[in-house]
């Protein structure tokens, strides 16, 4: 598989940025009187959306870290392979 490490890092940075946006988006504070069924339903929906957003942000962060790690691994593999080839060439 061919992968450009700079493109992987750009992708990882994009995931990090998306995570920051997900985390910084807060649900509005409770609306209306808590005793009203409609206000309670809206509050429950907001709580559910906030929980889903936090879970998605966590998965997005994990994806960003794994993508950055893949970039570094590809760079390291390419560097190691180049060093090996240079050693073979020098030994000839």
C-alpha atoms as a PDB file:
ATOM      1  CA  UNK A   1       0.000   0.000   0.000  1.00  0.00           C
ATOM      2  CA  UNK A   2       1.278   3.443  -0.853  1.00  0.00           C
ATOM      3  CA  UNK A   3       0.500   6.257   1.501  1.00  0.00           C
ATOM      4  CA  UNK A   4       1.857   9.765   1.578  1.00  0.00           C
ATOM      5  CA  UNK A   5       2.753  10.473   5.187  1.00  0.00           C
ATOM      6  CA  UNK A   6       2.133  14.205   4.803  1.00  0.00           C
ATOM      7  CA  UNK A   7      -1.379  13.495   3.531  1.00  0.00           C
ATOM      8  CA  UNK A   8      -1.990  11.163   6.474  1.00  0.00           C
ATOM      9  CA  UNK A   9      -0.866  13.898   8.866  1.00  0.00           C
ATOM     10  CA  UNK A  10      -3.143  16.392   7.131  1.00  0.00           C
ATOM     11  CA  UNK A  11      -6.016  13.944   7.525  1.00  0.00           C
ATOM     12  CA  UNK A  12      -5.150  13.399  11.202  1.00  0.00           C
ATOM     13  CA  UNK A  13      -5.096  17.152  11.779  1.00  0.00           C
ATOM     14  CA  UNK A  14      -8.515  17.382  10.146  1.00  0.00           C
ATOM     15  CA  UNK A  15      -9.835  14.734  12.541  1.00  0.00           C
ATOM     16  CA  UNK A  16      -8.332  16.617  15.494  1.00  0.00           C
ATOM     17  CA  UNK A  17     -10.047  19.809  14.302  1.00  0.00           C
ATOM     18  CA  UNK A  18     -13.353  18.005  13.933  1.00  0.00           C
ATOM     19  CA  UNK A  19     -13.006  16.629  17.457  1.00  0.00           C
ATOM     20  CA  UNK A  20     -12.423  20.124  18.815  1.00  0.00           C
ATOM     21  CA  UNK A  21     -15.591  21.323  17.097  1.00  0.00           C
ATOM     22  CA  UNK A  22     -17.599  18.415  18.501  1.00  0.00           C
ATOM     23  CA  UNK A  23     -16.371  19.014  22.029  1.00  0.00           C
ATOM     24  CA  UNK A  24     -16.872  22.784  21.932  1.00  0.00           C
ATOM     25  CA  UNK A  25     -20.494  22.521  20.809  1.00  0.00           C
ATOM     26  CA  UNK A  26     -22.613  22.585  23.935  1.00  0.00           C
ATOM     27  CA  UNK A  27     -26.290  21.813  24.223  1.00  0.00           C
ATOM     28  CA  UNK A  28     -28.425  24.719  25.380  1.00  0.00           C
ATOM     29  CA  UNK A  29     -29.242  24.853  29.053  1.00  0.00           C
ATOM     30  CA  UNK A  30     -32.590  23.518  30.174  1.00  0.00           C
ATOM     31  CA  UNK A  31     -35.543  25.209  28.568  1.00  0.00           C
ATOM     32  CA  UNK A  32     -38.822  26.019  30.237  1.00  0.00           C
ATOM     33  CA  UNK A  33     -40.078  24.800  33.553  1.00  0.00           C
ATOM     34  CA  UNK A  34     -38.759  21.350  34.347  1.00  0.00           C
ATOM     35  CA  UNK A  35     -42.262  20.184  35.271  1.00  0.00           C
ATOM     36  CA  UNK A  36     -43.569  20.642  31.748  1.00  0.00           C
ATOM     37  CA  UNK A  37     -43.530  17.422  29.725  1.00  0.00           C
ATOM     38  CA  UNK A  38     -42.387  19.157  26.536  1.00  0.00           C
ATOM     39  CA  UNK A  39     -39.471  20.869  28.305  1.00  0.00           C
ATOM     40  CA  UNK A  40     -38.491  17.579  29.891  1.00  0.00           C
ATOM     41  CA  UNK A  41     -38.584  15.881  26.488  1.00  0.00           C
ATOM     42  CA  UNK A  42     -36.429  18.613  24.936  1.00  0.00           C
ATOM     43  CA  UNK A  43     -33.969  18.364  27.826  1.00  0.00           C
ATOM     44  CA  UNK A  44     -33.803  14.585  27.394  1.00  0.00           C
ATOM     45  CA  UNK A  45     -33.123  14.974  23.664  1.00  0.00           C
ATOM     46  CA  UNK A  46     -30.380  17.538  24.360  1.00  0.00           C
ATOM     47  CA  UNK A  47     -28.800  15.206  26.907  1.00  0.00           C
ATOM     48  CA  UNK A  48     -28.912  12.341  24.415  1.00  0.00           C
ATOM     49  CA  UNK A  49     -27.384  14.478  21.671  1.00  0.00           C
ATOM     50  CA  UNK A  50     -24.654  15.671  24.027  1.00  0.00           C
ATOM     51  CA  UNK A  51     -23.820  12.089  25.034  1.00  0.00           C
ATOM     52  CA  UNK A  52     -23.752  10.962  21.395  1.00  0.00           C
ATOM     53  CA  UNK A  53     -21.579  13.956  20.487  1.00  0.00           C
ATOM     54  CA  UNK A  54     -19.096  13.111  23.238  1.00  0.00           C
ATOM     55  CA  UNK A  55     -18.952   9.472  22.110  1.00  0.00           C
ATOM     56  CA  UNK A  56     -18.427  10.520  18.490  1.00  0.00           C
ATOM     57  CA  UNK A  57     -15.758  13.025  19.544  1.00  0.00           C
ATOM     58  CA  UNK A  58     -13.917  10.283  21.441  1.00  0.00           C
ATOM     59  CA  UNK A  59     -14.015   7.949  18.416  1.00  0.00           C
ATOM     60  CA  UNK A  60     -12.917  10.794  16.146  1.00  0.00           C
ATOM     61  CA  UNK A  61      -9.992  11.532  18.459  1.00  0.00           C
ATOM     62  CA  UNK A  62      -8.973   7.862  18.389  1.00  0.00           C
ATOM     63  CA  UNK A  63      -9.122   7.924  14.579  1.00  0.00           C
ATOM     64  CA  UNK A  64      -6.933  11.034  14.515  1.00  0.00           C
ATOM     65  CA  UNK A  65      -4.331   9.440  16.778  1.00  0.00           C
ATOM     66  CA  UNK A  66      -4.297   6.202  14.763  1.00  0.00           C
ATOM     67  CA  UNK A  67      -3.984   8.134  11.494  1.00  0.00           C
ATOM     68  CA  UNK A  68      -1.044  10.151  12.833  1.00  0.00           C
ATOM     69  CA  UNK A  69       0.567   6.939  14.113  1.00  0.00           C
ATOM     70  CA  UNK A  70       0.147   5.364  10.674  1.00  0.00           C
ATOM     71  CA  UNK A  71       1.825   8.376   9.104  1.00  0.00           C
ATOM     72  CA  UNK A  72       4.820   8.052  11.420  1.00  0.00           C
ATOM     73  CA  UNK A  73       4.954   4.284  10.844  1.00  0.00           C
ATOM     74  CA  UNK A  74       4.958   4.723   7.055  1.00  0.00           C
ATOM     75  CA  UNK A  75       7.687   7.343   7.310  1.00  0.00           C
ATOM     76  CA  UNK A  76       9.752   5.072   9.562  1.00  0.00           C
ATOM     77  CA  UNK A  77       9.252   2.077   7.247  1.00  0.00           C
ATOM     78  CA  UNK A  78      10.261   4.113   4.202  1.00  0.00           C
ATOM     79  CA  UNK A  79      13.330   5.419   6.000  1.00  0.00           C
ATOM     80  CA  UNK A  80      14.323   1.936   7.182  1.00  0.00           C
ATOM     81  CA  UNK A  81      13.857   0.490   3.699  1.00  0.00           C
ATOM     82  CA  UNK A  82      15.964   3.272   2.184  1.00  0.00           C
ATOM     83  CA  UNK A  83      18.708   2.638   4.748  1.00  0.00           C
ATOM     84  CA  UNK A  84      18.639  -1.079   3.956  1.00  0.00           C
ATOM     85  CA  UNK A  85      18.840  -0.472   0.218  1.00  0.00           C
ATOM     86  CA  UNK A  86      21.717   1.957   0.695  1.00  0.00           C
ATOM     87  CA  UNK A  87      23.569  -0.643   2.798  1.00  0.00           C
ATOM     88  CA  UNK A  88      23.079  -3.280   0.082  1.00  0.00           C
ATOM     89  CA  UNK A  89      24.253  -0.895  -2.618  1.00  0.00           C
ATOM     90  CA  UNK A  90      27.326   0.060  -0.574  1.00  0.00           C
ATOM     91  CA  UNK A  91      28.186  -3.585   0.041  1.00  0.00           C
ATOM     92  CA  UNK A  92      28.287  -4.281  -3.687  1.00  0.00           C
END
